[in-house]
PDB file of N, CA and C in Angstrom:
ATOM      1  N   ALA A   1     -15.511  -3.084  11.061  1.00  0.00           N
ATOM      2  CA  ALA A   1     -15.682  -4.164   9.849  1.00  0.00           C
ATOM      3  C   ALA A   1     -14.943  -3.681   8.529  1.00  0.00           C
ATOM      4  N   TYR A   2     -15.130  -2.453   8.358  1.00  0.00           N
ATOM      5  CA  TYR A   2     -14.504  -1.872   7.297  1.00  0.00           C
ATOM      6  C   TYR A   2     -12.871  -2.321   7.160  1.00  0.00           C
ATOM      7  N   ARG A   3     -12.442  -1.827   8.326  1.00  0.00           N
ATOM      8  CA  ARG A   3     -10.787  -1.436   8.235  1.00  0.00           C
ATOM      9  C   ARG A   3     -10.522  -3.021   8.558  1.00  0.00           C
ATOM     10  N   GLU A   4     -11.478  -3.858   8.919  1.00  0.00           N
ATOM     11  CA  GLU A   4     -10.677  -5.473   8.809  1.00  0.00           C
ATOM     12  C   GLU A   4     -10.811  -6.090   7.404  1.00  0.00           C
ATOM     13  N   ARG A   5     -11.550  -5.595   6.821  1.00  0.00           N
ATOM     14  CA  ARG A   5     -11.769  -6.286   5.314  1.00  0.00           C
ATOM     15  C   ARG A   5     -10.401  -5.614   4.437  1.00  0.00           C
ATOM     16  N   ILE A   6     -10.228  -4.169   4.869  1.00  0.00           N
ATOM     17  CA  ILE A   6      -9.005  -3.450   4.222  1.00  0.00           C
ATOM     18  C   ILE A   6      -7.790  -4.306   4.713  1.00  0.00           C
ATOM     19  N   ALA A   7      -7.645  -4.574   5.900  1.00  0.00           N
ATOM     20  CA  ALA A   7      -6.375  -5.515   6.466  1.00  0.00           C
ATOM     21  C   ALA A   7      -6.413  -6.639   5.760  1.00  0.00           C
ATOM     22  N   ILE A   8      -7.351  -7.528   5.820  1.00  0.00           N
ATOM     23  CA  ILE A   8      -7.441  -8.940   4.979  1.00  0.00           C
ATOM     24  C   ILE A   8      -7.214  -8.427   3.300  1.00  0.00           C
ATOM     25  N   THR A   9      -7.458  -7.734   2.824  1.00  0.00           N
ATOM     26  CA  THR A   9      -7.404  -7.488   1.616  1.00  0.00           C
ATOM     27  C   THR A   9      -6.005  -7.073   1.370  1.00  0.00           C
ATOM     28  N   ALA A  10      -5.223  -6.215   2.021  1.00  0.00           N
ATOM     29  CA  ALA A  10      -3.875  -5.967   2.070  1.00  0.00           C
ATOM     30  C   ALA A  10      -3.141  -7.193   1.974  1.00  0.00           C
ATOM     31  N   TYR A  11      -3.313  -7.895   2.661  1.00  0.00           N
ATOM     32  CA  TYR A  11      -2.766  -9.205   3.167  1.00  0.00           C
ATOM     33  C   TYR A  11      -2.701 -10.074   2.024  1.00  0.00           C
ATOM     34  N   GLU A  12      -3.906 -10.415   1.538  1.00  0.00           N
ATOM     35  CA  GLU A  12      -4.087 -11.173   0.243  1.00  0.00           C
ATOM     36  C   GLU A  12      -3.427 -10.617  -0.966  1.00  0.00           C
ATOM     37  N   ILE A  13      -3.659  -9.095  -0.974  1.00  0.00           N
ATOM     38  CA  ILE A  13      -2.888  -8.777  -2.400  1.00  0.00           C
ATOM     39  C   ILE A  13      -1.194  -8.675  -2.066  1.00  0.00           C
ATOM     40  N   TYR A  14      -0.940  -8.674  -1.125  1.00  0.00           N
ATOM     41  CA  TYR A  14       0.489  -8.917  -0.764  1.00  0.00           C
ATOM     42  C   TYR A  14       0.934 -10.282  -0.970  1.00  0.00           C
ATOM     43  N   ARG A  15       0.265 -11.433  -0.460  1.00  0.00           N
ATOM     44  CA  ARG A  15       0.780 -12.495  -0.516  1.00  0.00           C
ATOM     45  C   ARG A  15       0.685 -12.727  -2.104  1.00  0.00           C
ATOM     46  N   VAL A  16      -0.253 -12.729  -2.794  1.00  0.00           N
ATOM     47  CA  VAL A  16      -0.372 -12.872  -4.206  1.00  0.00           C
ATOM     48  C   VAL A  16       0.817 -12.318  -4.964  1.00  0.00           C
ATOM     49  N   LEU A  17       1.010 -10.930  -4.758  1.00  0.00           N
ATOM     50  CA  LEU A  17       2.115 -10.293  -5.357  1.00  0.00           C
ATOM     51  C   LEU A  17       3.540 -10.967  -5.048  1.00  0.00           C
ATOM     52  N   LYS A  18       3.705 -11.378  -3.682  1.00  0.00           N
ATOM     53  CA  LYS A  18       5.101 -11.818  -3.300  1.00  0.00           C
ATOM     54  C   LYS A  18       5.413 -13.244  -3.767  1.00  0.00           C
ATOM     55  N   SER A  19       3.967 -14.107  -4.208  1.00  0.00           N
ATOM     56  CA  SER A  19       4.347 -15.327  -4.756  1.00  0.00           C
ATOM     57  C   SER A  19       4.293 -15.557  -5.931  1.00  0.00           C
ATOM     58  N   ARG A  20       3.571 -14.977  -6.962  1.00  0.00           N
ATOM     59  CA  ARG A  20       3.643 -15.024  -8.305  1.00  0.00           C
ATOM     60  C   ARG A  20       3.993 -13.925  -9.074  1.00  0.00           C
ATOM     61  N   LEU A  21       4.010 -12.836  -8.789  1.00  0.00           N
ATOM     62  CA  LEU A  21       4.369 -11.345  -9.445  1.00  0.00           C
ATOM     63  C   LEU A  21       5.822 -10.744  -9.117  1.00  0.00           C
ATOM     64  N   THR A  22       6.391 -11.566  -8.624  1.00  0.00           N
ATOM     65  CA  THR A  22       7.647 -10.814  -7.989  1.00  0.00           C
ATOM     66  C   THR A  22       8.468 -10.100  -9.184  1.00  0.00           C
ATOM     67  N   ASN A  23       8.552 -11.079 -10.476  1.00  0.00           N
ATOM     68  CA  ASN A  23       9.309 -10.748 -11.615  1.00  0.00           C
ATOM     69  C   ASN A  23       8.444  -9.485 -12.344  1.00  0.00           C
ATOM     70  N   PHE A  24       7.417  -8.983 -11.817  1.00  0.00           N
ATOM     71  CA  PHE A  24       6.749  -8.170 -12.791  1.00  0.00           C
ATOM     72  C   PHE A  24       6.265  -6.773 -11.709  1.00  0.00           C
ATOM     73  N   SER A  25       7.265  -5.962 -11.479  1.00  0.00           N
ATOM     74  CA  SER A  25       7.208  -4.908 -10.532  1.00  0.00           C
ATOM     75  C   SER A  25       6.140  -3.957 -10.810  1.00  0.00           C
ATOM     76  N   SER A  26       5.654  -3.803 -12.379  1.00  0.00           N
ATOM     77  CA  SER A  26       4.627  -2.964 -12.502  1.00  0.00           C
ATOM     78  C   SER A  26       3.150  -3.346 -11.937  1.00  0.00           C
ATOM     79  N   LEU A  27       3.324  -4.521 -11.877  1.00  0.00           N
ATOM     80  CA  LEU A  27       1.876  -5.134 -11.152  1.00  0.00           C
ATOM     81  C   LEU A  27       2.051  -4.658  -9.529  1.00  0.00           C
ATOM     82  N   VAL A  28       2.899  -4.579  -9.073  1.00  0.00           N
ATOM     83  CA  VAL A  28       2.686  -4.254  -7.833  1.00  0.00           C
ATOM     84  C   VAL A  28       2.136  -2.941  -7.499  1.00  0.00           C
ATOM     85  N   ASP A  29       1.664  -2.227  -8.571  1.00  0.00           N
ATOM     86  CA  ASP A  29       1.052  -0.846  -8.471  1.00  0.00           C
ATOM     87  C   ASP A  29      -0.565  -0.951  -8.824  1.00  0.00           C
ATOM     88  N   TYR A  30      -0.874  -2.261  -8.924  1.00  0.00           N
ATOM     89  CA  TYR A  30      -2.399  -2.628  -9.042  1.00  0.00           C
ATOM     90  C   TYR A  30      -3.240  -1.470  -8.612  1.00  0.00           C
ATOM     91  N   GLN A  31      -4.228  -0.833  -9.273  1.00  0.00           N
ATOM     92  CA  GLN A  31      -4.941   0.193  -8.724  1.00  0.00           C
ATOM     93  C   GLN A  31      -6.610  -0.435  -8.967  1.00  0.00           C
ATOM     94  N   HIS A  32      -7.406  -0.463  -7.924  1.00  0.00           N
ATOM     95  CA  HIS A  32      -8.614  -1.038  -7.931  1.00  0.00           C
ATOM     96  C   HIS A  32      -9.250  -0.148  -8.881  1.00  0.00           C
ATOM     97  N   SER A  33     -10.036  -0.838  -9.789  1.00  0.00           N
ATOM     98  CA  SER A  33     -10.740  -0.155 -10.639  1.00  0.00           C
ATOM     99  C   SER A  33     -11.878   1.249 -10.371  1.00  0.00           C
ATOM    100  N   GLU A  34     -12.474   1.195  -9.285  1.00  0.00           N
ATOM    101  CA  GLU A  34     -13.324   2.218  -8.679  1.00  0.00           C
ATOM    102  C   GLU A  34     -12.858   3.130  -7.866  1.00  0.00           C
ATOM    103  N   THR A  35     -11.924   2.684  -6.952  1.00  0.00           N
ATOM    104  CA  THR A  35     -11.228   3.441  -5.705  1.00  0.00           C
ATOM    105  C   THR A  35      -9.970   3.855  -6.203  1.00  0.00           C
ATOM    106  N   THR A  36      -9.232   3.245  -6.977  1.00  0.00           N
ATOM    107  CA  THR A  36      -7.841   3.275  -7.611  1.00  0.00           C
ATOM    108  C   THR A  36      -6.782   3.229  -6.271  1.00  0.00           C
ATOM    109  N   VAL A  37      -7.097   2.632  -5.508  1.00  0.00           N
ATOM    110  CA  VAL A  37      -6.643   2.298  -4.169  1.00  0.00           C
ATOM    111  C   VAL A  37      -5.593   1.209  -4.378  1.00  0.00           C
ATOM    112  N   THR A  38      -4.058   1.358  -4.242  1.00  0.00           N
ATOM    113  CA  THR A  38      -2.853   0.405  -4.209  1.00  0.00           C
ATOM    114  C   THR A  38      -2.771  -0.384  -3.304  1.00  0.00           C
ATOM    115  N   PRO A  39      -2.379  -1.611  -3.384  1.00  0.00           N
ATOM    116  CA  PRO A  39      -1.927  -2.403  -1.992  1.00  0.00           C
ATOM    117  C   PRO A  39      -1.178  -1.425  -1.247  1.00  0.00           C
ATOM    118  N   LEU A  40      -0.122  -0.812  -1.575  1.00  0.00           N
ATOM    119  CA  LEU A  40       0.551   0.257  -0.753  1.00  0.00           C
ATOM    120  C   LEU A  40      -0.257   0.929   0.211  1.00  0.00           C
ATOM    121  N   MET A  41      -1.236   1.767  -0.476  1.00  0.00           N
ATOM    122  CA  MET A  41      -2.074   2.547   0.336  1.00  0.00           C
ATOM    123  C   MET A  41      -3.075   1.792   1.268  1.00  0.00           C
ATOM    124  N   ILE A  42      -3.332   0.435   0.844  1.00  0.00           N
ATOM    125  CA  ILE A  42      -4.123  -0.143   1.988  1.00  0.00           C
ATOM    126  C   ILE A  42      -3.166  -0.521   2.988  1.00  0.00           C
ATOM    127  N   ALA A  43      -2.181  -1.237   2.964  1.00  0.00           N
ATOM    128  CA  ALA A  43      -1.075  -1.294   3.866  1.00  0.00           C
ATOM    129  C   ALA A  43      -0.756  -0.151   4.623  1.00  0.00           C
ATOM    130  N   ALA A  44      -0.498   1.002   4.170  1.00  0.00           N
ATOM    131  CA  ALA A  44      -0.263   2.370   4.778  1.00  0.00           C
ATOM    132  C   ALA A  44      -1.355   2.861   5.687  1.00  0.00           C
ATOM    133  N   GLY A  45      -2.433   2.630   5.595  1.00  0.00           N
ATOM    134  CA  GLY A  45      -3.462   2.841   6.137  1.00  0.00           C
ATOM    135  C   GLY A  45      -3.843   2.124   7.460  1.00  0.00           C
ATOM    136  N   ARG A  46      -3.421   0.781   7.209  1.00  0.00           N
ATOM    137  CA  ARG A  46      -3.606  -0.399   8.288  1.00  0.00           C
ATOM    138  C   ARG A  46      -2.261  -0.281   9.077  1.00  0.00           C
ATOM    139  N   GLY A  47      -1.311   0.294   8.904  1.00  0.00           N
ATOM    140  CA  GLY A  47       0.150   0.297   9.623  1.00  0.00           C
ATOM    141  C   GLY A  47       0.810  -0.804   9.299  1.00  0.00           C
ATOM    142  N   LEU A  48       0.833  -1.699   8.272  1.00  0.00           N
ATOM    143  CA  LEU A  48       1.496  -2.726   7.896  1.00  0.00           C
ATOM    144  C   LEU A  48       2.597  -2.755   7.447  1.00  0.00           C
ATOM    145  N   TYR A  49       3.441  -2.417   8.524  1.00  0.00           N
ATOM    146  CA  TYR A  49       5.051  -1.766   8.141  1.00  0.00           C
ATOM    147  C   TYR A  49       5.761  -2.790   6.981  1.00  0.00           C
ATOM    148  N   HIS A  50       5.887  -4.097   7.682  1.00  0.00           N
ATOM    149  CA  HIS A  50       6.579  -5.024   7.181  1.00  0.00           C
ATOM    150  C   HIS A  50       5.983  -5.333   5.650  1.00  0.00           C
ATOM    151  N   ILE A  51       4.832  -5.146   5.147  1.00  0.00           N
ATOM    152  CA  ILE A  51       4.458  -5.439   3.966  1.00  0.00           C
ATOM    153  C   ILE A  51       4.620  -4.168   3.215  1.00  0.00           C
ATOM    154  N   ILE A  52       4.749  -2.777   3.921  1.00  0.00           N
ATOM    155  CA  ILE A  52       5.229  -1.782   3.120  1.00  0.00           C
ATOM    156  C   ILE A  52       6.459  -1.686   2.672  1.00  0.00           C
ATOM    157  N   GLU A  53       7.323  -2.573   3.528  1.00  0.00           N
ATOM    158  CA  GLU A  53       9.004  -2.477   3.386  1.00  0.00           C
ATOM    159  C   GLU A  53       9.140  -3.348   2.100  1.00  0.00           C
ATOM    160  N   GLN A  54       8.260  -4.571   2.063  1.00  0.00           N
ATOM    161  CA  GLN A  54       7.996  -5.344   0.989  1.00  0.00           C
ATOM    162  C   GLN A  54       7.678  -4.964  -0.447  1.00  0.00           C
ATOM    163  N   LEU A  55       6.370  -3.865  -0.396  1.00  0.00           N
ATOM    164  CA  LEU A  55       6.014  -3.310  -1.635  1.00  0.00           C
ATOM    165  C   LEU A  55       7.352  -2.615  -2.241  1.00  0.00           C
ATOM    166  N   LEU A  56       7.605  -1.707  -1.251  1.00  0.00           N
ATOM    167  CA  LEU A  56       8.756  -0.451  -1.421  1.00  0.00           C
ATOM    168  C   LEU A  56       9.936  -1.393  -2.337  1.00  0.00           C
ATOM    169  N   THR A  57      10.393  -2.530  -1.859  1.00  0.00           N
ATOM    170  CA  THR A  57      11.355  -3.175  -2.180  1.00  0.00           C
ATOM    171  C   THR A  57      11.065  -3.723  -3.695  1.00  0.00           C
ATOM    172  N   MET A  58       9.730  -4.008  -3.808  1.00  0.00           N
ATOM    173  CA  MET A  58       9.383  -4.684  -5.154  1.00  0.00           C
ATOM    174  C   MET A  58       8.916  -3.297  -6.310  1.00  0.00           C
ATOM    175  N   GLU A  59       9.309  -2.161  -5.746  1.00  0.00           N
ATOM    176  CA  GLU A  59       9.181  -0.789  -6.466  1.00  0.00           C
ATOM    177  C   GLU A  59       7.976  -0.256  -6.752  1.00  0.00           C
ATOM    178  N   ALA A  60       7.230  -0.638  -5.291  1.00  0.00           N
ATOM    179  CA  ALA A  60       5.662   0.225  -5.275  1.00  0.00           C
ATOM    180  C   ALA A  60       6.175   1.508  -5.470  1.00  0.00           C
ATOM    181  N   ASP A  61       5.091   2.195  -5.969  1.00  0.00           N
ATOM    182  CA  ASP A  61       5.400   3.853  -6.523  1.00  0.00           C
ATOM    183  C   ASP A  61       4.206   4.469  -5.280  1.00  0.00           C
ATOM    184  N   PRO A  62       5.314   5.073  -4.384  1.00  0.00           N
ATOM    185  CA  PRO A  62       4.480   5.563  -3.220  1.00  0.00           C
ATOM    186  C   PRO A  62       3.793   7.096  -3.424  1.00  0.00           C
ATOM    187  N   THR A  63       4.009   7.675  -4.791  1.00  0.00           N
ATOM    188  CA  THR A  63       3.401   8.601  -5.095  1.00  0.00           C
ATOM    189  C   THR A  63       2.168   8.747  -6.011  1.00  0.00           C
ATOM    190  N   LEU A  64       1.778   7.375  -6.405  1.00  0.00           N
ATOM    191  CA  LEU A  64       0.584   7.221  -7.003  1.00  0.00           C
ATOM    192  C   LEU A  64      -0.517   7.656  -6.039  1.00  0.00           C
ATOM    193  N   LYS A  65      -1.625   8.123  -6.679  1.00  0.00           N
ATOM    194  CA  LYS A  65      -2.987   8.768  -6.055  1.00  0.00           C
ATOM    195  C   LYS A  65      -4.201   8.162  -6.191  1.00  0.00           C
ATOM    196  N   SER A  66      -5.303   7.793  -5.136  1.00  0.00           N
ATOM    197  CA  SER A  66      -6.513   7.096  -5.541  1.00  0.00           C
ATOM    198  C   SER A  66      -7.246   8.140  -5.617  1.00  0.00           C
ATOM    199  N   SER A  67      -8.655   7.485  -5.987  1.00  0.00           N
ATOM    200  CA  SER A  67      -9.638   8.384  -6.557  1.00  0.00           C
ATOM    201  C   SER A  67      -9.814   9.792  -5.601  1.00  0.00           C
ATOM    202  N   ASN A  68      -9.565   9.833  -4.573  1.00  0.00           N
ATOM    203  CA  ASN A  68      -9.996  10.747  -3.395  1.00  0.00           C
ATOM    204  C   ASN A  68      -8.657  11.941  -3.383  1.00  0.00           C
ATOM    205  N   GLY A  69      -7.457  11.561  -4.379  1.00  0.00           N
ATOM    206  CA  GLY A  69      -6.517  12.202  -4.177  1.00  0.00           C
ATOM    207  C   GLY A  69      -5.204  12.054  -3.183  1.00  0.00           C
ATOM    208  N   TRP A  70      -5.513  10.971  -2.347  1.00  0.00           N
ATOM    209  CA  TRP A  70      -4.616  10.414  -1.475  1.00  0.00           C
ATOM    210  C   TRP A  70      -3.528   9.576  -2.071  1.00  0.00           C
ATOM    211  N   THR A  71      -2.143  10.064  -1.484  1.00  0.00           N
ATOM    212  CA  THR A  71      -1.054   8.736  -1.698  1.00  0.00           C
ATOM    213  C   THR A  71      -1.118   8.031  -0.444  1.00  0.00           C
ATOM    214  N   ALA A  72      -0.203   6.824  -0.607  1.00  0.00           N
ATOM    215  CA  ALA A  72       0.196   5.918   0.410  1.00  0.00           C
ATOM    216  C   ALA A  72       0.235   6.956   1.795  1.00  0.00           C
ATOM    217  N   LEU A  73       1.252   8.160   1.580  1.00  0.00           N
ATOM    218  CA  LEU A  73       1.410   8.916   2.981  1.00  0.00           C
ATOM    219  C   LEU A  73       0.347   9.418   3.292  1.00  0.00           C
ATOM    220  N   ASP A  74      -0.668  10.054   2.574  1.00  0.00           N
ATOM    221  CA  ASP A  74      -2.034  10.703   2.937  1.00  0.00           C
ATOM    222  C   ASP A  74      -2.719   9.736   3.743  1.00  0.00           C
ATOM    223  N   TRP A  75      -2.796   8.219   3.565  1.00  0.00           N
ATOM    224  CA  TRP A  75      -3.634   7.390   4.116  1.00  0.00           C
ATOM    225  C   TRP A  75      -2.923   7.014   5.493  1.00  0.00           C
ATOM    226  N   ALA A  76      -1.463   6.807   5.604  1.00  0.00           N
ATOM    227  CA  ALA A  76      -0.761   6.712   6.683  1.00  0.00           C
ATOM    228  C   ALA A  76      -1.267   7.685   7.557  1.00  0.00           C
ATOM    229  N   ARG A  77      -1.041   9.099   7.210  1.00  0.00           N
ATOM    230  CA  ARG A  77      -1.239  10.251   8.194  1.00  0.00           C
ATOM    231  C   ARG A  77      -2.590  10.068   8.532  1.00  0.00           C
ATOM    232  N   LYS A  78      -3.457  10.053   7.861  1.00  0.00           N
ATOM    233  CA  LYS A  78      -5.274   9.757   8.231  1.00  0.00           C
ATOM    234  C   LYS A  78      -5.531   8.742   9.295  1.00  0.00           C
ATOM    235  N   PHE A  79      -4.822   7.779   9.378  1.00  0.00           N
ATOM    236  CA  PHE A  79      -4.885   6.766  10.382  1.00  0.00           C
ATOM    237  C   PHE A  79      -3.722   6.723  11.565  1.00  0.00           C
ATOM    238  N   GLU A  80      -2.854   7.744  11.378  1.00  0.00           N
ATOM    239  CA  GLU A  80      -1.916   8.027  12.261  1.00  0.00           C
ATOM    240  C   GLU A  80      -1.063   6.909  12.506  1.00  0.00           C
ATOM    241  N   GLN A  81      -0.788   6.532  11.547  1.00  0.00           N
ATOM    242  CA  GLN A  81       0.367   5.297  11.533  1.00  0.00           C
ATOM    243  C   GLN A  81       1.852   5.821  11.557  1.00  0.00           C
ATOM    244  N   LYS A  82       2.131   6.479  12.220  1.00  0.00           N
ATOM    245  CA  LYS A  82       3.627   7.313  12.620  1.00  0.00           C
ATOM    246  C   LYS A  82       4.668   6.627  11.896  1.00  0.00           C
ATOM    247  N   ASN A  83       5.205   5.144  12.269  1.00  0.00           N
ATOM    248  CA  ASN A  83       6.291   4.598  11.957  1.00  0.00           C
ATOM    249  C   ASN A  83       6.114   4.482  10.340  1.00  0.00           C
ATOM    250  N   VAL A  84       4.655   4.583   9.868  1.00  0.00           N
ATOM    251  CA  VAL A  84       4.560   4.331   8.588  1.00  0.00           C
ATOM    252  C   VAL A  84       4.897   5.377   7.694  1.00  0.00           C
ATOM    253  N   VAL A  85       4.510   6.648   8.340  1.00  0.00           N
ATOM    254  CA  VAL A  85       4.626   7.948   7.677  1.00  0.00           C
ATOM    255  C   VAL A  85       6.278   8.208   7.610  1.00  0.00           C
ATOM    256  N   ALA A  86       6.936   7.991   8.650  1.00  0.00           N
ATOM    257  CA  ALA A  86       8.440   7.853   8.471  1.00  0.00           C
ATOM    258  C   ALA A  86       8.950   7.169   7.358  1.00  0.00           C
ATOM    259  N   LEU A  87       8.556   5.869   7.345  1.00  0.00           N
ATOM    260  CA  LEU A  87       8.882   5.140   6.084  1.00  0.00           C
ATOM    261  C   LEU A  87       8.732   5.683   4.614  1.00  0.00           C
ATOM    262  N   LEU A  88       7.335   5.998   4.630  1.00  0.00           N
ATOM    263  CA  LEU A  88       7.179   6.385   3.271  1.00  0.00           C
ATOM    264  C   LEU A  88       7.811   7.755   3.109  1.00  0.00           C
ATOM    265  N   GLU A  89       8.037   8.696   4.030  1.00  0.00           N
ATOM    266  CA  GLU A  89       8.944  10.148   3.825  1.00  0.00           C
ATOM    267  C   GLU A  89      10.326   9.632   3.410  1.00  0.00           C
ATOM    268  N   ALA A  90      10.628   8.494   3.670  1.00  0.00           N
ATOM    269  CA  ALA A  90      12.037   8.294   3.371  1.00  0.00           C
ATOM    270  C   ALA A  90      12.129   7.566   2.025  1.00  0.00           C
ATOM    271  N   HIS A  91      10.926   7.451   1.251  1.00  0.00           N
ATOM    272  CA  HIS A  91      10.857   6.966   0.242  1.00  0.00           C
ATOM    273  C   HIS A  91      10.386   7.597  -1.151  1.00  0.00           C
ATOM    274  N   MET A  92      10.135   9.114  -0.695  1.00  0.00           N
ATOM    275  CA  MET A  92       9.669  10.040  -1.540  1.00  0.00           C
ATOM    276  C   MET A  92      10.628  10.866  -2.399  1.00  0.00           C
TER     277      MET A  92
END
């Protein structure tokens, strides 16, 4: 259930960012007030490759860290998202 909520949240965040915030690239790095997780981190953990591509195109910062010290790359590694790991490594 937790992973499903993360996937839905990532999609919803991406949809809002794409449709309303395309001209405000700094907002693509929004961090949750408690967890400091970004849309890129959520998408990385879920293996949402195409969303990650779009977020990176919108200049999402792959070096940001969540409250547990993880980057989007760490989230992808934790959840064994091999294609995403390669994509993020190419952007580091």
